[in-house]
Every structure is written in C-alpha cells, then in structure tokens.
Amino acid sequence: MKRLLLVLAFLVPLAFAAGPVGKPAPSFSGKTIDGQPFDLRQYLGKKPIALHFWGSNCPPCRVEAPYWAQAQKAYGDQIAIIGVDVQDINVLAQDFVYTYGWTFPVVADALGSVAAAYRVTMKPTTVYIGIDGTIIGYHPGAYRRAADFENDLLRAISWRP
C-alpha cells in the first residue's frame, strides 16, 4: 500500500505537468504588449500554433529567446508563433522583444489567466496547438538544445488530426 501511494504521489504531479494535451485549446483575447487587440480565434484553423509563455525576468527565457526569433524567420509561414508574456512589466517585456528581434505577436497576460487556462506553472513553457485547435504538445521549461526545439516545431507543423 505504501508503494502504491508513493507511485501515485509521483505520477499525479507528472500528469498535471503534462498539460491539457488532447483537449481543445482554450480561446482567449486581450491586448498585445504594444496595445494591439488580439484574439486567438483569428489563428485557429489556419496553421499550427506555438504558444510560448515567458517573462522578461526569467533567465531561461533569455537563453532560448534567440531560438524564437530564428524560428519565426525559418518557419513563420508554416506555424503561428505567439508569445504570452506572463505577469510582467510591460516596458520590460517590450525591451525584451526588441532586444531579441521578435516579430511575432506577444500577448500581455498581466493576471496570469491565460497561463492558468493552459495549466502553465513555470516559465518558459511552450504549448503546441494543431491546425484543428487541439493541444498536441506541451513543453514545460526551457529547451536545452536548439535541435530539440526545432524537432518540436517540425512535429507540430507536420501533425495531422
């Protein structure tokens, strides 16, 4: 019995950390960090989406930030990359985006409600949404290797319902 409880204590957090894979992506709207209106529904069904949850005060976010700029240039016509700036100071977020040359939309999530809807508990986290609007991938934490990052992007691009 103790062994079973120990196994469950280990597996339950892992199941939660796996995110809502296989579920419809929660829709949200709001403003980008530069004040433009944003609605996820404008992107659903057109191409896969990579939702990248981050913050300017997150050292691992800075490490992988160049990956996102490169991905936008290389794959922006095949996947919609959308940044979600979680509980951040807007001017710091704008500086971060400018510093790393991000050209994709970055939504302000000042209250963390978008992150909560996607069960994001750490920054950075990336959620991949298939062209059908289903969550197909969830990567909590920073990518340690550019190759792993690119593999996940390509997997999302080639995924079919």
C-alpha atoms as a PDB file:
ATOM      1  CA  MET A   1       0.000   0.000   0.000  1.00  0.00           C
ATOM      2  CA  LYS A   2       2.817   2.435   0.829  1.00  0.00           C
ATOM      3  CA  ARG A   3       4.442   1.662  -2.503  1.00  0.00           C
ATOM      4  CA  LEU A   4       1.191   2.420  -4.347  1.00  0.00           C
ATOM      5  CA  LEU A   5       0.829   5.750  -2.543  1.00  0.00           C
ATOM      6  CA  LEU A   6       4.441   6.601  -3.344  1.00  0.00           C
ATOM      7  CA  VAL A   7       3.895   5.824  -7.031  1.00  0.00           C
ATOM      8  CA  LEU A   8       0.683   7.874  -7.114  1.00  0.00           C
ATOM      9  CA  ALA A   9       2.373  10.772  -5.338  1.00  0.00           C
ATOM     10  CA  PHE A  10       4.952  10.761  -8.130  1.00  0.00           C
ATOM     11  CA  LEU A  11       2.573  10.247 -11.076  1.00  0.00           C
ATOM     12  CA  VAL A  12      -0.169  12.728 -10.207  1.00  0.00           C
ATOM     13  CA  PRO A  13       2.111  15.797 -10.452  1.00  0.00           C
ATOM     14  CA  LEU A  14       3.544  14.423 -13.693  1.00  0.00           C
ATOM     15  CA  ALA A  15       0.071  14.031 -15.169  1.00  0.00           C
ATOM     16  CA  PHE A  16      -0.728  17.627 -14.241  1.00  0.00           C
ATOM     17  CA  ALA A  17       2.584  18.848 -15.637  1.00  0.00           C
ATOM     18  CA  ALA A  18       1.806  17.145 -18.933  1.00  0.00           C
ATOM     19  CA  GLY A  19      -0.729  19.887 -19.537  1.00  0.00           C
ATOM     20  CA  PRO A  20      -4.005  19.575 -21.362  1.00  0.00           C
ATOM     21  CA  VAL A  21      -2.703  17.572 -24.339  1.00  0.00           C
ATOM     22  CA  GLY A  22      -5.569  16.190 -26.438  1.00  0.00           C
ATOM     23  CA  LYS A  23      -8.027  18.858 -25.298  1.00  0.00           C
ATOM     24  CA  PRO A  24      -9.316  21.826 -27.313  1.00  0.00           C
ATOM     25  CA  ALA A  25      -7.135  24.906 -26.892  1.00  0.00           C
ATOM     26  CA  PRO A  26      -8.825  27.473 -24.650  1.00  0.00           C
ATOM     27  CA  SER A  27      -9.598  30.586 -26.649  1.00  0.00           C
ATOM     28  CA  PHE A  28      -8.565  33.962 -25.286  1.00  0.00           C
ATOM     29  CA  SER A  29      -8.438  37.567 -26.310  1.00  0.00           C
ATOM     30  CA  GLY A  30      -6.738  40.647 -24.981  1.00  0.00           C
ATOM     31  CA  LYS A  31      -4.052  43.101 -25.967  1.00  0.00           C
ATOM     32  CA  THR A  32      -0.529  42.661 -27.187  1.00  0.00           C
ATOM     33  CA  ILE A  33       2.290  44.327 -25.274  1.00  0.00           C
ATOM     34  CA  ASP A  34       2.164  47.171 -27.783  1.00  0.00           C
ATOM     35  CA  GLY A  35      -1.573  47.712 -27.222  1.00  0.00           C
ATOM     36  CA  GLN A  36      -2.996  45.989 -30.298  1.00  0.00           C
ATOM     37  CA  PRO A  37      -6.131  43.826 -29.956  1.00  0.00           C
ATOM     38  CA  PHE A  38      -5.518  40.087 -30.036  1.00  0.00           C
ATOM     39  CA  ASP A  39      -7.891  37.139 -30.400  1.00  0.00           C
ATOM     40  CA  LEU A  40      -6.610  33.570 -30.667  1.00  0.00           C
ATOM     41  CA  ARG A  41      -9.634  32.659 -32.809  1.00  0.00           C
ATOM     42  CA  GLN A  42      -8.026  34.623 -35.677  1.00  0.00           C
ATOM     43  CA  TYR A  43      -5.260  31.991 -35.764  1.00  0.00           C
ATOM     44  CA  LEU A  44      -7.120  28.749 -35.037  1.00  0.00           C
ATOM     45  CA  GLY A  45      -7.698  26.517 -38.048  1.00  0.00           C
ATOM     46  CA  LYS A  46      -5.248  28.309 -40.335  1.00  0.00           C
ATOM     47  CA  LYS A  47      -1.963  26.681 -39.326  1.00  0.00           C
ATOM     48  CA  PRO A  48      -0.462  25.112 -36.206  1.00  0.00           C
ATOM     49  CA  ILE A  49       0.297  27.425 -33.303  1.00  0.00           C
ATOM     50  CA  ALA A  50       3.197  27.582 -30.854  1.00  0.00           C
ATOM     51  CA  LEU A  51       2.131  29.472 -27.716  1.00  0.00           C
ATOM     52  CA  HIS A  52       5.288  30.497 -25.907  1.00  0.00           C
ATOM     53  CA  PHE A  53       4.750  31.533 -22.265  1.00  0.00           C
ATOM     54  CA  TRP A  54       7.628  33.618 -20.922  1.00  0.00           C
ATOM     55  CA  GLY A  55       8.620  36.653 -18.854  1.00  0.00           C
ATOM     56  CA  SER A  56      11.378  39.235 -19.058  1.00  0.00           C
ATOM     57  CA  ASN A  57      12.515  38.365 -15.525  1.00  0.00           C
ATOM     58  CA  CYS A  58      13.101  34.700 -16.453  1.00  0.00           C
ATOM     59  CA  PRO A  59      16.782  33.789 -17.095  1.00  0.00           C
ATOM     60  CA  PRO A  60      15.941  30.583 -19.037  1.00  0.00           C
ATOM     61  CA  CYS A  61      13.608  32.659 -21.232  1.00  0.00           C
ATOM     62  CA  ARG A  62      16.581  34.795 -22.224  1.00  0.00           C
ATOM     63  CA  VAL A  63      18.618  31.704 -23.098  1.00  0.00           C
ATOM     64  CA  GLU A  64      16.032  30.381 -25.548  1.00  0.00           C
ATOM     65  CA  ALA A  65      14.825  33.785 -26.843  1.00  0.00           C
ATOM     66  CA  PRO A  66      17.092  33.661 -29.935  1.00  0.00           C
ATOM     67  CA  TYR A  67      15.517  30.302 -30.897  1.00  0.00           C
ATOM     68  CA  TRP A  68      12.148  32.035 -31.237  1.00  0.00           C
ATOM     69  CA  ALA A  69      13.440  34.816 -33.464  1.00  0.00           C
ATOM     70  CA  GLN A  70      15.130  32.243 -35.702  1.00  0.00           C
ATOM     71  CA  ALA A  71      12.013  30.054 -35.754  1.00  0.00           C
ATOM     72  CA  GLN A  72       9.860  32.980 -36.875  1.00  0.00           C
ATOM     73  CA  LYS A  73      12.211  33.617 -39.794  1.00  0.00           C
ATOM     74  CA  ALA A  74      12.554  29.956 -40.759  1.00  0.00           C
ATOM     75  CA  TYR A  75       9.036  28.612 -40.112  1.00  0.00           C
ATOM     76  CA  GLY A  76       6.739  31.635 -39.712  1.00  0.00           C
ATOM     77  CA  ASP A  77       4.875  30.757 -42.898  1.00  0.00           C
ATOM     78  CA  GLN A  78       4.150  27.238 -41.562  1.00  0.00           C
ATOM     79  CA  ILE A  79       3.377  27.839 -37.873  1.00  0.00           C
ATOM     80  CA  ALA A  80       1.941  30.797 -35.982  1.00  0.00           C
ATOM     81  CA  ILE A  81       4.240  31.726 -33.129  1.00  0.00           C
ATOM     82  CA  ILE A  82       2.527  33.693 -30.382  1.00  0.00           C
ATOM     83  CA  GLY A  83       4.265  34.889 -27.260  1.00  0.00           C
ATOM     84  CA  VAL A  84       2.374  35.142 -23.990  1.00  0.00           C
ATOM     85  CA  ASP A  85       4.110  37.480 -21.557  1.00  0.00           C
ATOM     86  CA  VAL A  86       3.048  36.268 -18.104  1.00  0.00           C
ATOM     87  CA  GLN A  87       2.726  38.675 -15.161  1.00  0.00           C
ATOM     88  CA  ASP A  88       5.358  41.086 -16.356  1.00  0.00           C
ATOM     89  CA  ILE A  89       6.017  44.811 -16.511  1.00  0.00           C
ATOM     90  CA  ASN A  90       5.018  45.954 -19.980  1.00  0.00           C
ATOM     91  CA  VAL A  91       8.013  48.206 -20.665  1.00  0.00           C
ATOM     92  CA  LEU A  92      10.413  45.402 -19.676  1.00  0.00           C
ATOM     93  CA  ALA A  93       8.562  42.996 -21.961  1.00  0.00           C
ATOM     94  CA  GLN A  94       8.771  45.468 -24.854  1.00  0.00           C
ATOM     95  CA  ASP A  95      12.507  45.884 -24.279  1.00  0.00           C
ATOM     96  CA  PHE A  96      12.961  42.089 -24.223  1.00  0.00           C
ATOM     97  CA  VAL A  97      11.068  41.669 -27.512  1.00  0.00           C
ATOM     98  CA  TYR A  98      13.083  44.455 -29.144  1.00  0.00           C
ATOM     99  CA  THR A  99      16.411  43.104 -27.839  1.00  0.00           C
ATOM    100  CA  TYR A 100      15.786  39.625 -29.255  1.00  0.00           C
ATOM    101  CA  GLY A 101      14.188  40.776 -32.506  1.00  0.00           C
ATOM    102  CA  TRP A 102      10.860  39.043 -32.044  1.00  0.00           C
ATOM    103  CA  THR A 103       8.395  39.923 -34.810  1.00  0.00           C
ATOM    104  CA  PHE A 104       5.504  37.653 -33.817  1.00  0.00           C
ATOM    105  CA  PRO A 105       2.574  38.865 -31.679  1.00  0.00           C
ATOM    106  CA  VAL A 106       3.171  38.930 -27.925  1.00  0.00           C
ATOM    107  CA  VAL A 107       0.070  38.971 -25.742  1.00  0.00           C
ATOM    108  CA  ALA A 108       0.144  40.571 -22.296  1.00  0.00           C
ATOM    109  CA  ASP A 109      -1.105  38.159 -19.610  1.00  0.00           C
ATOM    110  CA  ALA A 110      -0.856  40.522 -16.645  1.00  0.00           C
ATOM    111  CA  LEU A 111      -3.054  38.441 -14.321  1.00  0.00           C
ATOM    112  CA  GLY A 112      -1.789  35.045 -15.464  1.00  0.00           C
ATOM    113  CA  SER A 113      -5.258  33.937 -16.561  1.00  0.00           C
ATOM    114  CA  VAL A 114      -4.117  32.675 -19.966  1.00  0.00           C
ATOM    115  CA  ALA A 115      -1.278  30.740 -18.327  1.00  0.00           C
ATOM    116  CA  ALA A 116      -3.761  29.246 -15.851  1.00  0.00           C
ATOM    117  CA  ALA A 117      -6.143  28.214 -18.655  1.00  0.00           C
ATOM    118  CA  TYR A 118      -3.272  26.300 -20.265  1.00  0.00           C
ATOM    119  CA  ARG A 119      -2.031  24.903 -16.919  1.00  0.00           C
ATOM    120  CA  VAL A 120       1.301  26.670 -17.262  1.00  0.00           C
ATOM    121  CA  THR A 121       3.123  26.582 -13.933  1.00  0.00           C
ATOM    122  CA  MET A 122       6.609  27.672 -14.973  1.00  0.00           C
ATOM    123  CA  LYS A 123       8.321  29.980 -17.412  1.00  0.00           C
ATOM    124  CA  PRO A 124       9.177  29.298 -20.096  1.00  0.00           C
ATOM    125  CA  THR A 125       6.579  26.805 -21.264  1.00  0.00           C
ATOM    126  CA  THR A 126       5.519  26.143 -24.836  1.00  0.00           C
ATOM    127  CA  VAL A 127       2.133  24.752 -25.830  1.00  0.00           C
ATOM    128  CA  TYR A 128       1.652  23.452 -29.363  1.00  0.00           C
ATOM    129  CA  ILE A 129      -1.801  23.610 -30.932  1.00  0.00           C
ATOM    130  CA  GLY A 130      -2.680  21.579 -34.007  1.00  0.00           C
ATOM    131  CA  ILE A 131      -4.426  23.028 -37.021  1.00  0.00           C
ATOM    132  CA  ASP A 132      -7.685  21.543 -35.694  1.00  0.00           C
ATOM    133  CA  GLY A 133      -7.428  23.537 -32.437  1.00  0.00           C
ATOM    134  CA  THR A 134      -6.355  20.594 -30.275  1.00  0.00           C
ATOM    135  CA  ILE A 135      -3.410  20.869 -27.924  1.00  0.00           C
ATOM    136  CA  ILE A 136      -0.851  18.458 -29.363  1.00  0.00           C
ATOM    137  CA  GLY A 137       2.244  19.227 -27.326  1.00  0.00           C
ATOM    138  CA  TYR A 138       3.373  20.750 -24.060  1.00  0.00           C
ATOM    139  CA  HIS A 139       6.975  21.571 -23.184  1.00  0.00           C
ATOM    140  CA  PRO A 140       7.442  22.888 -19.629  1.00  0.00           C
ATOM    141  CA  GLY A 141      10.757  24.586 -19.008  1.00  0.00           C
ATOM    142  CA  ALA A 142      13.462  25.817 -21.301  1.00  0.00           C
ATOM    143  CA  TYR A 143      14.722  23.953 -24.306  1.00  0.00           C
ATOM    144  CA  ARG A 144      18.295  22.986 -23.570  1.00  0.00           C
ATOM    145  CA  ARG A 145      19.198  22.211 -27.159  1.00  0.00           C
ATOM    146  CA  ALA A 146      18.197  24.027 -30.320  1.00  0.00           C
ATOM    147  CA  ALA A 147      17.731  20.651 -32.026  1.00  0.00           C
ATOM    148  CA  ASP A 148      15.036  19.627 -29.506  1.00  0.00           C
ATOM    149  CA  PHE A 149      13.276  22.929 -30.040  1.00  0.00           C
ATOM    150  CA  GLU A 150      13.354  22.550 -33.817  1.00  0.00           C
ATOM    151  CA  ASN A 151      12.150  18.933 -33.608  1.00  0.00           C
ATOM    152  CA  ASP A 152       9.093  20.025 -31.605  1.00  0.00           C
ATOM    153  CA  LEU A 153       8.336  22.807 -34.104  1.00  0.00           C
ATOM    154  CA  LEU A 154       8.597  20.405 -37.028  1.00  0.00           C
ATOM    155  CA  ARG A 155       6.459  17.834 -35.229  1.00  0.00           C
ATOM    156  CA  ALA A 156       3.741  20.472 -34.729  1.00  0.00           C
ATOM    157  CA  ILE A 157       3.988  21.611 -38.344  1.00  0.00           C
ATOM    158  CA  SER A 158       3.630  18.077 -39.713  1.00  0.00           C
ATOM    159  CA  TRP A 159       0.955  16.872 -37.233  1.00  0.00           C
ATOM    160  CA  ARG A 160      -2.404  15.978 -38.751  1.00  0.00           C
ATOM    161  CA  PRO A 161      -5.695  15.187 -36.968  1.00  0.00           C
END
